[in-house]
Each structure stands twice: as structure tokens, then as C-alpha cells.
Amino acid sequence: METQREVLNTAGIEAILDRMSADILKHRMTTDHLALVGLHTRGVHLAKRLQNVLLDKTGCLIPSGDIDITLYRDDWTQIGHSPVVKATDIPFSVDGKEIVLVDDVLFTGRTIRAAMDALMDFGRPARIELAVLVDRGHRELPIQGNFTGILIDTDRTETVNVLLMESDGEDRVVIE
């Protein structure tokens, strides 16, 4: 029997996004070169939410895009004969931009490595940073978040599920 333990609710997620947006702005004189890129699927929703929070704070609409990393994964041949590839939409030049990749959970680091590879096919950003809602540890690659919502100590066999209103009808983070 699987048990669930809730670690974040709607208010917690909103508070984290507010803090992360403040951290993103903290050491920048301007947002002129800033852009957000969300990783499919939930990273896209979180990037849009961060974009809205940043708009409220600065009055500037930060460019936002989304990226699918399916074919950049080092295990893509193991995830099925016909992997589902979603659309990538980056409606701005990444050249010279300070890109903040946005994802829901940071685990081994392999997804982020794939995202950086995919992003580099679009140009040469000035910087790539990482914003994650949940860091659960267990890294296999030397990758860490620049803007981390919450660090959760998990067992490697546990699953961290981020549920978002846009895709799941509710905002929660649970461990199973």
C-alpha cells in the first residue's frame, strides 16, 4: 500500500515562486537580457507562473519559452519505441540572454543536462541558470539549482509528484 505525504500546498508553492522571483531579480541591475525557459511539462507551467510574478514585481514582461528534451535524454531509447515529443517554442533569440531554465523536480541532474544540450542548439546564451521547485538530492551529475524552492530529503525509491492546477487540477507536492 502506497502512502502519500504532502510537503507543499497551493500557498507554499505560491510563496516559493514569490521568493524565487525575488532571488532571480536580486543581483540584476536590469531584466533586459533575462528570459525563462520551462521544461515540459510542469516546468512550462512554473515558468509561466514565474513570468507573471516577475511582471507584478517589475512591470516588465520577461520573455518565456518552453523546451522538450525527449530526444536529448541519455535514456530516450529506453522510454519506449515511440517517445512522445512535445513542441519546443522559444519565440526569442537565446543569443546573449540570461536564461533561467525552470523545472519542477531536480533529481539526478540528467534532465537538466539534456535541457542545456537542447538549449544550445538554439544559440549561445550569456548564462544559463536553473530554477527548481523541489530539489530531492541523489545527483548523478554535478548540477545544482541557482534558485531552489525546497530541498526534500527523500529515499531514492520514493517518488516526488508535483501536481499543478494547469495539468492536474490542483496544486500540491507529495511524496509517495
N, C-alpha and C. Protein backbone atom coordinates (compact mmCIF):
# COMPACT_ATOMS: atom_id res chain seq x y z
N MET A 1 0.84 -1.19 0.00
CA MET A 1 0.00 0.00 0.00
C MET A 1 0.88 1.25 0.00
N GLU A 2 0.69 2.09 -0.99
CA GLU A 2 1.46 3.33 -1.08
C GLU A 2 0.84 4.39 -0.20
N THR A 3 1.69 5.14 0.47
CA THR A 3 1.21 6.26 1.28
C THR A 3 1.75 7.54 0.68
N GLN A 4 0.98 8.59 0.85
CA GLN A 4 1.38 9.91 0.35
C GLN A 4 1.64 10.82 1.53
N ARG A 5 2.66 11.65 1.37
CA ARG A 5 2.96 12.67 2.36
C ARG A 5 3.02 14.01 1.63
N GLU A 6 2.10 14.92 1.97
CA GLU A 6 2.10 16.23 1.32
C GLU A 6 3.19 17.09 1.93
N VAL A 7 4.00 17.70 1.05
CA VAL A 7 5.07 18.58 1.52
C VAL A 7 4.84 20.04 1.12
N LEU A 8 4.00 20.28 0.12
CA LEU A 8 3.64 21.64 -0.26
C LEU A 8 2.19 21.67 -0.71
N ASN A 9 1.54 22.80 -0.40
CA ASN A 9 0.18 23.04 -0.89
C ASN A 9 0.21 24.30 -1.75
N THR A 10 -0.96 24.77 -2.14
CA THR A 10 -1.05 25.95 -3.00
C THR A 10 -0.31 27.15 -2.43
N ALA A 11 -0.56 27.46 -1.16
CA ALA A 11 0.07 28.62 -0.53
C ALA A 11 1.59 28.46 -0.49
N GLY A 12 2.06 27.25 -0.21
CA GLY A 12 3.50 27.01 -0.17
C GLY A 12 4.15 27.19 -1.53
N ILE A 13 3.50 26.70 -2.57
CA ILE A 13 4.03 26.85 -3.93
C ILE A 13 4.07 28.32 -4.32
N GLU A 14 3.00 29.05 -4.02
CA GLU A 14 2.96 30.49 -4.34
C GLU A 14 4.05 31.25 -3.60
N ALA A 15 4.26 30.92 -2.33
CA ALA A 15 5.30 31.60 -1.54
C ALA A 15 6.68 31.31 -2.12
N ILE A 16 6.91 30.08 -2.53
CA ILE A 16 8.20 29.72 -3.12
C ILE A 16 8.43 30.47 -4.42
N LEU A 17 7.42 30.54 -5.28
CA LEU A 17 7.58 31.26 -6.55
C LEU A 17 7.84 32.74 -6.32
N ASP A 18 7.22 33.31 -5.30
CA ASP A 18 7.46 34.71 -4.96
C ASP A 18 8.92 34.90 -4.50
N ARG A 19 9.40 34.01 -3.65
CA ARG A 19 10.78 34.10 -3.17
C ARG A 19 11.77 33.86 -4.30
N MET A 20 11.49 32.88 -5.16
CA MET A 20 12.39 32.61 -6.27
C MET A 20 12.47 33.79 -7.23
N SER A 21 11.34 34.45 -7.48
CA SER A 21 11.36 35.62 -8.36
C SER A 21 12.20 36.74 -7.76
N ALA A 22 12.09 36.92 -6.46
CA ALA A 22 12.92 37.93 -5.79
C ALA A 22 14.39 37.58 -5.89
N ASP A 23 14.72 36.30 -5.74
CA ASP A 23 16.11 35.86 -5.86
C ASP A 23 16.63 36.06 -7.29
N ILE A 24 15.79 35.80 -8.27
CA ILE A 24 16.18 35.99 -9.67
C ILE A 24 16.52 37.46 -9.93
N LEU A 25 15.76 38.35 -9.32
CA LEU A 25 15.97 39.79 -9.54
C LEU A 25 17.08 40.37 -8.67
N LYS A 26 17.41 39.72 -7.60
CA LYS A 26 18.29 40.26 -6.55
C LYS A 26 19.61 40.84 -7.07
N HIS A 27 20.30 40.15 -7.92
CA HIS A 27 21.63 40.59 -8.35
C HIS A 27 21.66 41.10 -9.78
N ARG A 28 20.52 41.52 -10.27
CA ARG A 28 20.44 42.04 -11.64
C ARG A 28 20.11 43.53 -11.59
N MET A 29 20.84 44.29 -12.36
CA MET A 29 20.55 45.71 -12.48
C MET A 29 19.37 45.93 -13.40
N THR A 30 19.18 44.99 -14.36
CA THR A 30 18.14 45.12 -15.35
C THR A 30 17.63 43.73 -15.74
N THR A 31 16.44 43.68 -16.28
CA THR A 31 15.90 42.41 -16.78
C THR A 31 15.96 42.34 -18.30
N ASP A 32 16.70 43.27 -18.90
CA ASP A 32 16.74 43.38 -20.37
C ASP A 32 17.16 42.08 -21.07
N HIS A 33 18.05 41.31 -20.47
CA HIS A 33 18.57 40.11 -21.12
C HIS A 33 18.04 38.82 -20.48
N LEU A 34 17.12 38.95 -19.55
CA LEU A 34 16.56 37.81 -18.83
C LEU A 34 15.48 37.12 -19.65
N ALA A 35 15.46 35.79 -19.62
CA ALA A 35 14.40 35.00 -20.27
C ALA A 35 14.22 33.71 -19.49
N LEU A 36 13.01 33.19 -19.52
CA LEU A 36 12.67 31.94 -18.83
C LEU A 36 12.38 30.87 -19.87
N VAL A 37 12.84 29.66 -19.60
CA VAL A 37 12.53 28.52 -20.46
C VAL A 37 12.11 27.36 -19.56
N GLY A 38 10.85 26.97 -19.69
CA GLY A 38 10.31 25.87 -18.90
C GLY A 38 10.48 24.54 -19.59
N LEU A 39 10.79 23.51 -18.82
CA LEU A 39 10.91 22.16 -19.35
C LEU A 39 9.55 21.49 -19.31
N HIS A 40 9.20 20.85 -20.43
CA HIS A 40 7.91 20.14 -20.47
C HIS A 40 7.89 19.07 -19.41
N THR A 41 6.83 18.92 -18.70
CA THR A 41 5.55 19.59 -18.82
C THR A 41 5.38 20.61 -17.70
N ARG A 42 5.63 20.22 -16.49
CA ARG A 42 5.32 21.11 -15.37
C ARG A 42 6.26 22.31 -15.26
N GLY A 43 7.46 22.19 -15.78
CA GLY A 43 8.36 23.33 -15.80
C GLY A 43 7.83 24.47 -16.65
N VAL A 44 7.07 24.13 -17.69
CA VAL A 44 6.44 25.15 -18.54
C VAL A 44 5.43 25.95 -17.72
N HIS A 45 4.62 25.25 -16.94
CA HIS A 45 3.61 25.94 -16.11
C HIS A 45 4.28 26.80 -15.03
N LEU A 46 5.33 26.27 -14.43
CA LEU A 46 6.04 27.04 -13.40
C LEU A 46 6.73 28.27 -14.01
N ALA A 47 7.28 28.14 -15.22
CA ALA A 47 7.90 29.29 -15.88
C ALA A 47 6.87 30.38 -16.15
N LYS A 48 5.67 29.98 -16.59
CA LYS A 48 4.60 30.97 -16.83
C LYS A 48 4.21 31.67 -15.53
N ARG A 49 4.13 30.89 -14.45
CA ARG A 49 3.80 31.50 -13.16
C ARG A 49 4.89 32.46 -12.71
N LEU A 50 6.16 32.05 -12.87
CA LEU A 50 7.27 32.95 -12.53
C LEU A 50 7.23 34.20 -13.39
N GLN A 51 6.91 34.05 -14.65
CA GLN A 51 6.80 35.19 -15.56
C GLN A 51 5.76 36.18 -15.02
N ASN A 52 4.62 35.68 -14.56
CA ASN A 52 3.57 36.54 -14.02
C ASN A 52 3.99 37.22 -12.72
N VAL A 53 4.69 36.49 -11.86
CA VAL A 53 5.16 37.09 -10.60
C VAL A 53 6.19 38.18 -10.90
N LEU A 54 7.10 37.90 -11.83
CA LEU A 54 8.10 38.89 -12.22
C LEU A 54 7.45 40.12 -12.86
N LEU A 55 6.40 39.91 -13.64
CA LEU A 55 5.66 41.02 -14.23
C LEU A 55 5.05 41.90 -13.14
N ASP A 56 4.47 41.27 -12.12
CA ASP A 56 3.91 42.03 -11.00
C ASP A 56 4.97 42.82 -10.26
N LYS A 57 6.17 42.26 -10.12
CA LYS A 57 7.25 42.91 -9.37
C LYS A 57 7.94 44.02 -10.15
N THR A 58 8.08 43.82 -11.48
CA THR A 58 8.90 44.74 -12.27
C THR A 58 8.11 45.57 -13.27
N GLY A 59 6.92 45.12 -13.63
CA GLY A 59 6.18 45.77 -14.70
C GLY A 59 6.69 45.40 -16.09
N CYS A 60 7.67 44.50 -16.14
CA CYS A 60 8.25 44.06 -17.42
C CYS A 60 7.83 42.63 -17.70
N LEU A 61 7.43 42.37 -18.93
CA LEU A 61 7.09 41.01 -19.34
C LEU A 61 8.37 40.32 -19.80
N ILE A 62 8.85 39.41 -18.97
CA ILE A 62 10.07 38.66 -19.28
C ILE A 62 9.73 37.62 -20.35
N PRO A 63 10.52 37.52 -21.42
CA PRO A 63 10.24 36.51 -22.44
C PRO A 63 10.27 35.10 -21.82
N SER A 64 9.36 34.27 -22.30
CA SER A 64 9.26 32.91 -21.78
C SER A 64 9.07 31.95 -22.95
N GLY A 65 9.70 30.81 -22.84
CA GLY A 65 9.54 29.76 -23.84
C GLY A 65 9.48 28.42 -23.17
N ASP A 66 9.32 27.38 -23.98
CA ASP A 66 9.32 26.04 -23.42
C ASP A 66 10.11 25.11 -24.32
N ILE A 67 10.65 24.07 -23.69
CA ILE A 67 11.53 23.17 -24.41
C ILE A 67 11.21 21.72 -24.06
N ASP A 68 11.26 20.88 -25.08
CA ASP A 68 11.10 19.45 -24.90
C ASP A 68 12.47 18.80 -25.04
N ILE A 69 12.83 17.98 -24.07
CA ILE A 69 14.18 17.40 -24.07
C ILE A 69 14.17 15.90 -24.40
N THR A 70 13.05 15.38 -24.83
CA THR A 70 12.90 13.94 -25.02
C THR A 70 14.04 13.33 -25.83
N LEU A 71 14.34 13.89 -26.98
CA LEU A 71 15.37 13.31 -27.84
C LEU A 71 16.79 13.65 -27.41
N TYR A 72 16.94 14.45 -26.35
CA TYR A 72 18.25 14.78 -25.82
C TYR A 72 18.58 13.93 -24.59
N ARG A 73 17.61 13.17 -24.12
CA ARG A 73 17.82 12.34 -22.93
C ARG A 73 18.80 11.22 -23.24
N ASP A 74 19.61 10.86 -22.25
CA ASP A 74 20.56 9.76 -22.48
C ASP A 74 19.89 8.40 -22.37
N ASP A 75 18.60 8.39 -22.01
CA ASP A 75 17.86 7.13 -21.91
C ASP A 75 16.65 7.09 -22.85
N TRP A 76 16.62 7.95 -23.86
CA TRP A 76 15.42 8.05 -24.70
C TRP A 76 15.10 6.77 -25.43
N THR A 77 16.09 5.96 -25.72
CA THR A 77 15.80 4.69 -26.39
C THR A 77 15.18 3.67 -25.45
N GLN A 78 15.25 3.93 -24.16
CA GLN A 78 14.70 3.02 -23.17
C GLN A 78 13.30 3.40 -22.71
N ILE A 79 12.80 4.55 -23.13
CA ILE A 79 11.49 5.01 -22.64
C ILE A 79 10.34 4.63 -23.55
N GLY A 80 10.62 3.77 -24.53
CA GLY A 80 9.55 3.31 -25.41
C GLY A 80 9.97 3.38 -26.86
N HIS A 81 9.24 2.64 -27.67
CA HIS A 81 9.55 2.62 -29.10
C HIS A 81 9.18 3.92 -29.79
N SER A 82 8.14 4.58 -29.30
CA SER A 82 7.69 5.84 -29.89
C SER A 82 7.55 6.89 -28.80
N PRO A 83 8.67 7.49 -28.40
CA PRO A 83 8.57 8.51 -27.35
C PRO A 83 7.71 9.69 -27.81
N VAL A 84 6.97 10.24 -26.87
CA VAL A 84 6.11 11.39 -27.17
C VAL A 84 6.96 12.65 -27.10
N VAL A 85 7.09 13.31 -28.23
CA VAL A 85 7.87 14.54 -28.31
C VAL A 85 6.89 15.71 -28.37
N LYS A 86 7.03 16.62 -27.41
CA LYS A 86 6.17 17.80 -27.37
C LYS A 86 6.85 18.92 -28.14
N ALA A 87 6.09 19.94 -28.43
CA ALA A 87 6.64 21.07 -29.18
C ALA A 87 7.58 21.90 -28.31
N THR A 88 8.63 22.36 -28.93
CA THR A 88 9.52 23.34 -28.31
C THR A 88 9.16 24.69 -28.90
N ASP A 89 8.98 25.68 -28.04
CA ASP A 89 8.62 27.01 -28.50
C ASP A 89 9.47 28.03 -27.75
N ILE A 90 10.50 28.51 -28.42
CA ILE A 90 11.34 29.57 -27.86
C ILE A 90 11.24 30.74 -28.83
N PRO A 91 10.29 31.67 -28.55
CA PRO A 91 9.98 32.73 -29.51
C PRO A 91 10.91 33.95 -29.42
N PHE A 92 12.15 33.73 -29.02
CA PHE A 92 13.13 34.81 -28.93
C PHE A 92 14.50 34.21 -29.20
N SER A 93 15.44 35.04 -29.55
CA SER A 93 16.81 34.56 -29.73
C SER A 93 17.43 34.33 -28.36
N VAL A 94 18.08 33.18 -28.17
CA VAL A 94 18.73 32.91 -26.89
C VAL A 94 20.13 33.52 -26.85
N ASP A 95 20.64 33.98 -27.98
CA ASP A 95 21.98 34.56 -28.03
C ASP A 95 22.10 35.74 -27.07
N GLY A 96 23.08 35.65 -26.19
CA GLY A 96 23.34 36.74 -25.25
C GLY A 96 22.35 36.85 -24.10
N LYS A 97 21.37 35.97 -24.03
CA LYS A 97 20.36 36.03 -22.97
C LYS A 97 20.86 35.36 -21.69
N GLU A 98 20.31 35.80 -20.58
CA GLU A 98 20.49 35.13 -19.29
C GLU A 98 19.27 34.24 -19.12
N ILE A 99 19.43 32.98 -19.47
CA ILE A 99 18.32 32.03 -19.49
C ILE A 99 18.18 31.38 -18.11
N VAL A 100 16.97 31.39 -17.60
CA VAL A 100 16.67 30.62 -16.40
C VAL A 100 15.83 29.43 -16.85
N LEU A 101 16.43 28.24 -16.79
CA LEU A 101 15.68 27.01 -17.05
C LEU A 101 14.81 26.76 -15.82
N VAL A 102 13.57 26.36 -16.05
CA VAL A 102 12.63 26.14 -14.95
C VAL A 102 12.10 24.72 -15.03
N ASP A 103 12.21 23.99 -13.91
CA ASP A 103 11.67 22.64 -13.85
C ASP A 103 11.05 22.41 -12.48
N ASP A 104 10.27 21.34 -12.39
CA ASP A 104 9.57 21.07 -11.14
C ASP A 104 10.45 20.35 -10.12
N VAL A 105 11.16 19.30 -10.54
CA VAL A 105 11.95 18.50 -9.61
C VAL A 105 13.36 18.30 -10.15
N LEU A 106 14.34 18.53 -9.30
CA LEU A 106 15.73 18.22 -9.63
C LEU A 106 16.11 16.96 -8.88
N PHE A 107 16.53 15.94 -9.63
CA PHE A 107 16.84 14.64 -9.05
C PHE A 107 18.28 14.27 -9.42
N THR A 108 18.47 13.53 -10.48
CA THR A 108 19.82 13.07 -10.85
C THR A 108 20.63 14.13 -11.57
N GLY A 109 19.96 15.10 -12.20
CA GLY A 109 20.63 16.13 -12.99
C GLY A 109 20.64 15.81 -14.47
N ARG A 110 20.22 14.61 -14.85
CA ARG A 110 20.27 14.20 -16.25
C ARG A 110 19.28 14.97 -17.12
N THR A 111 18.11 15.29 -16.59
CA THR A 111 17.14 16.08 -17.34
C THR A 111 17.68 17.48 -17.63
N ILE A 112 18.33 18.08 -16.66
CA ILE A 112 18.87 19.42 -16.84
C ILE A 112 20.03 19.40 -17.84
N ARG A 113 20.86 18.37 -17.78
CA ARG A 113 21.94 18.25 -18.77
C ARG A 113 21.35 18.17 -20.17
N ALA A 114 20.29 17.40 -20.33
CA ALA A 114 19.63 17.29 -21.63
C ALA A 114 19.04 18.64 -22.05
N ALA A 115 18.46 19.37 -21.10
CA ALA A 115 17.88 20.67 -21.40
C ALA A 115 18.94 21.66 -21.86
N MET A 116 20.11 21.64 -21.23
CA MET A 116 21.18 22.53 -21.65
C MET A 116 21.66 22.18 -23.05
N ASP A 117 21.77 20.89 -23.34
CA ASP A 117 22.15 20.47 -24.70
C ASP A 117 21.13 20.97 -25.72
N ALA A 118 19.85 20.78 -25.41
CA ALA A 118 18.79 21.21 -26.32
C ALA A 118 18.82 22.72 -26.51
N LEU A 119 18.99 23.46 -25.43
CA LEU A 119 19.00 24.92 -25.49
C LEU A 119 20.16 25.43 -26.35
N MET A 120 21.31 24.79 -26.26
CA MET A 120 22.48 25.23 -27.02
C MET A 120 22.27 25.07 -28.52
N ASP A 121 21.34 24.23 -28.93
CA ASP A 121 21.02 24.11 -30.35
C ASP A 121 20.29 25.35 -30.88
N PHE A 122 19.84 26.21 -29.98
CA PHE A 122 19.13 27.44 -30.37
C PHE A 122 20.03 28.66 -30.37
N GLY A 123 21.25 28.52 -29.89
CA GLY A 123 22.16 29.66 -29.87
C GLY A 123 23.07 29.60 -28.66
N ARG A 124 23.68 30.74 -28.37
CA ARG A 124 24.66 30.80 -27.28
C ARG A 124 24.22 31.83 -26.24
N PRO A 125 23.57 31.35 -25.18
CA PRO A 125 23.18 32.27 -24.11
C PRO A 125 24.41 32.82 -23.39
N ALA A 126 24.26 33.99 -22.78
CA ALA A 126 25.33 34.55 -21.97
C ALA A 126 25.50 33.73 -20.68
N ARG A 127 24.38 33.21 -20.19
CA ARG A 127 24.39 32.44 -18.94
C ARG A 127 23.16 31.55 -18.93
N ILE A 128 23.31 30.38 -18.30
CA ILE A 128 22.17 29.51 -18.04
C ILE A 128 22.12 29.26 -16.55
N GLU A 129 20.96 29.56 -15.96
CA GLU A 129 20.74 29.30 -14.54
C GLU A 129 19.57 28.33 -14.42
N LEU A 130 19.38 27.80 -13.22
CA LEU A 130 18.35 26.80 -13.01
C LEU A 130 17.47 27.17 -11.83
N ALA A 131 16.16 27.15 -12.07
CA ALA A 131 15.17 27.35 -11.01
C ALA A 131 14.34 26.07 -10.91
N VAL A 132 14.32 25.48 -9.71
CA VAL A 132 13.54 24.27 -9.49
C VAL A 132 12.67 24.43 -8.26
N LEU A 133 11.46 23.92 -8.35
CA LEU A 133 10.55 23.97 -7.21
C LEU A 133 11.04 23.05 -6.10
N VAL A 134 11.45 21.83 -6.46
CA VAL A 134 11.87 20.82 -5.47
C VAL A 134 13.22 20.25 -5.87
N ASP A 135 14.15 20.26 -4.92
CA ASP A 135 15.42 19.55 -5.08
C ASP A 135 15.37 18.36 -4.13
N ARG A 136 15.42 17.16 -4.67
CA ARG A 136 15.31 15.96 -3.84
C ARG A 136 16.64 15.23 -3.67
N GLY A 137 17.73 15.82 -4.16
CA GLY A 137 19.04 15.21 -3.99
C GLY A 137 19.27 14.04 -4.93
N HIS A 138 20.24 13.20 -4.58
CA HIS A 138 20.59 11.99 -5.33
C HIS A 138 21.18 12.30 -6.70
N ARG A 139 22.02 13.33 -6.78
CA ARG A 139 22.60 13.75 -8.05
C ARG A 139 23.55 12.70 -8.61
N GLU A 140 23.50 12.53 -9.92
CA GLU A 140 24.45 11.70 -10.65
C GLU A 140 25.39 12.56 -11.48
N LEU A 141 25.04 13.82 -11.67
CA LEU A 141 25.85 14.78 -12.42
C LEU A 141 26.05 16.02 -11.55
N PRO A 142 27.14 16.76 -11.76
CA PRO A 142 27.42 17.93 -10.92
C PRO A 142 26.57 19.14 -11.33
N ILE A 143 25.27 19.04 -11.05
CA ILE A 143 24.32 20.10 -11.41
C ILE A 143 23.56 20.48 -10.16
N GLN A 144 23.39 21.78 -9.96
CA GLN A 144 22.61 22.26 -8.82
C GLN A 144 21.76 23.44 -9.24
N GLY A 145 20.69 23.68 -8.48
CA GLY A 145 19.82 24.80 -8.77
C GLY A 145 20.42 26.11 -8.29
N ASN A 146 20.21 27.17 -9.06
CA ASN A 146 20.57 28.51 -8.62
C ASN A 146 19.46 29.08 -7.75
N PHE A 147 18.24 28.69 -8.06
CA PHE A 147 17.05 29.16 -7.36
C PHE A 147 16.22 27.93 -7.02
N THR A 148 16.29 27.52 -5.76
CA THR A 148 15.64 26.28 -5.33
C THR A 148 14.54 26.60 -4.35
N GLY A 149 13.37 26.04 -4.63
CA GLY A 149 12.23 26.27 -3.76
C GLY A 149 12.35 25.57 -2.43
N ILE A 150 12.47 24.26 -2.45
CA ILE A 150 12.54 23.47 -1.24
C ILE A 150 13.44 22.27 -1.48
N LEU A 151 14.24 21.94 -0.48
CA LEU A 151 15.08 20.76 -0.51
C LEU A 151 14.38 19.70 0.33
N ILE A 152 14.11 18.55 -0.29
CA ILE A 152 13.41 17.47 0.40
C ILE A 152 14.34 16.27 0.48
N ASP A 153 14.51 15.76 1.69
CA ASP A 153 15.31 14.56 1.89
C ASP A 153 14.43 13.36 1.56
N THR A 154 14.77 12.66 0.48
CA THR A 154 13.98 11.52 0.04
C THR A 154 14.84 10.27 -0.03
N ASP A 155 14.19 9.17 0.02
CA ASP A 155 14.82 7.90 -0.29
C ASP A 155 14.85 7.79 -1.81
N ARG A 156 15.85 7.18 -2.34
CA ARG A 156 15.96 7.08 -3.80
C ARG A 156 14.77 6.36 -4.42
N THR A 157 14.13 5.47 -3.68
CA THR A 157 13.00 4.70 -4.21
C THR A 157 11.68 5.45 -4.14
N GLU A 158 11.64 6.56 -3.41
CA GLU A 158 10.41 7.34 -3.31
C GLU A 158 10.19 8.14 -4.59
N THR A 159 8.95 8.55 -4.79
CA THR A 159 8.59 9.38 -5.93
C THR A 159 8.10 10.72 -5.42
N VAL A 160 8.60 11.80 -6.02
CA VAL A 160 8.11 13.14 -5.71
C VAL A 160 7.19 13.56 -6.84
N ASN A 161 5.93 13.81 -6.54
CA ASN A 161 4.96 14.21 -7.54
C ASN A 161 4.57 15.67 -7.33
N VAL A 162 4.81 16.48 -8.35
CA VAL A 162 4.36 17.86 -8.34
C VAL A 162 3.07 17.91 -9.14
N LEU A 163 2.02 18.33 -8.47
CA LEU A 163 0.71 18.48 -9.11
C LEU A 163 0.43 19.96 -9.26
N LEU A 164 0.11 20.39 -10.48
CA LEU A 164 -0.17 21.79 -10.73
C LEU A 164 -1.56 21.95 -11.34
N MET A 165 -2.20 23.04 -10.99
CA MET A 165 -3.56 23.31 -11.44
C MET A 165 -3.70 23.17 -12.96
N GLU A 166 -2.72 23.68 -13.70
CA GLU A 166 -2.80 23.69 -15.16
C GLU A 166 -2.86 22.29 -15.78
N SER A 167 -2.24 21.32 -15.14
CA SER A 167 -2.21 19.98 -15.72
C SER A 167 -2.91 18.92 -14.86
N ASP A 168 -3.06 19.20 -13.57
CA ASP A 168 -3.58 18.19 -12.65
C ASP A 168 -4.83 18.61 -11.89
N GLY A 169 -5.23 19.87 -12.04
CA GLY A 169 -6.42 20.35 -11.37
C GLY A 169 -6.23 20.73 -9.91
N GLU A 170 -5.00 20.68 -9.42
CA GLU A 170 -4.71 21.08 -8.03
C GLU A 170 -3.23 21.39 -7.91
N ASP A 171 -2.88 22.16 -6.89
CA ASP A 171 -1.50 22.49 -6.58
C ASP A 171 -1.09 21.75 -5.32
N ARG A 172 -0.16 20.81 -5.46
CA ARG A 172 0.36 20.07 -4.31
C ARG A 172 1.68 19.42 -4.70
N VAL A 173 2.51 19.19 -3.72
CA VAL A 173 3.68 18.35 -3.90
C VAL A 173 3.57 17.24 -2.87
N VAL A 174 3.65 16.01 -3.36
CA VAL A 174 3.51 14.85 -2.48
C VAL A 174 4.65 13.89 -2.73
N ILE A 175 5.01 13.17 -1.67
CA ILE A 175 6.00 12.10 -1.76
C ILE A 175 5.26 10.79 -1.59
N GLU A 176 5.55 9.85 -2.48
CA GLU A 176 4.94 8.51 -2.38
C GLU A 176 6.06 7.51 -2.15
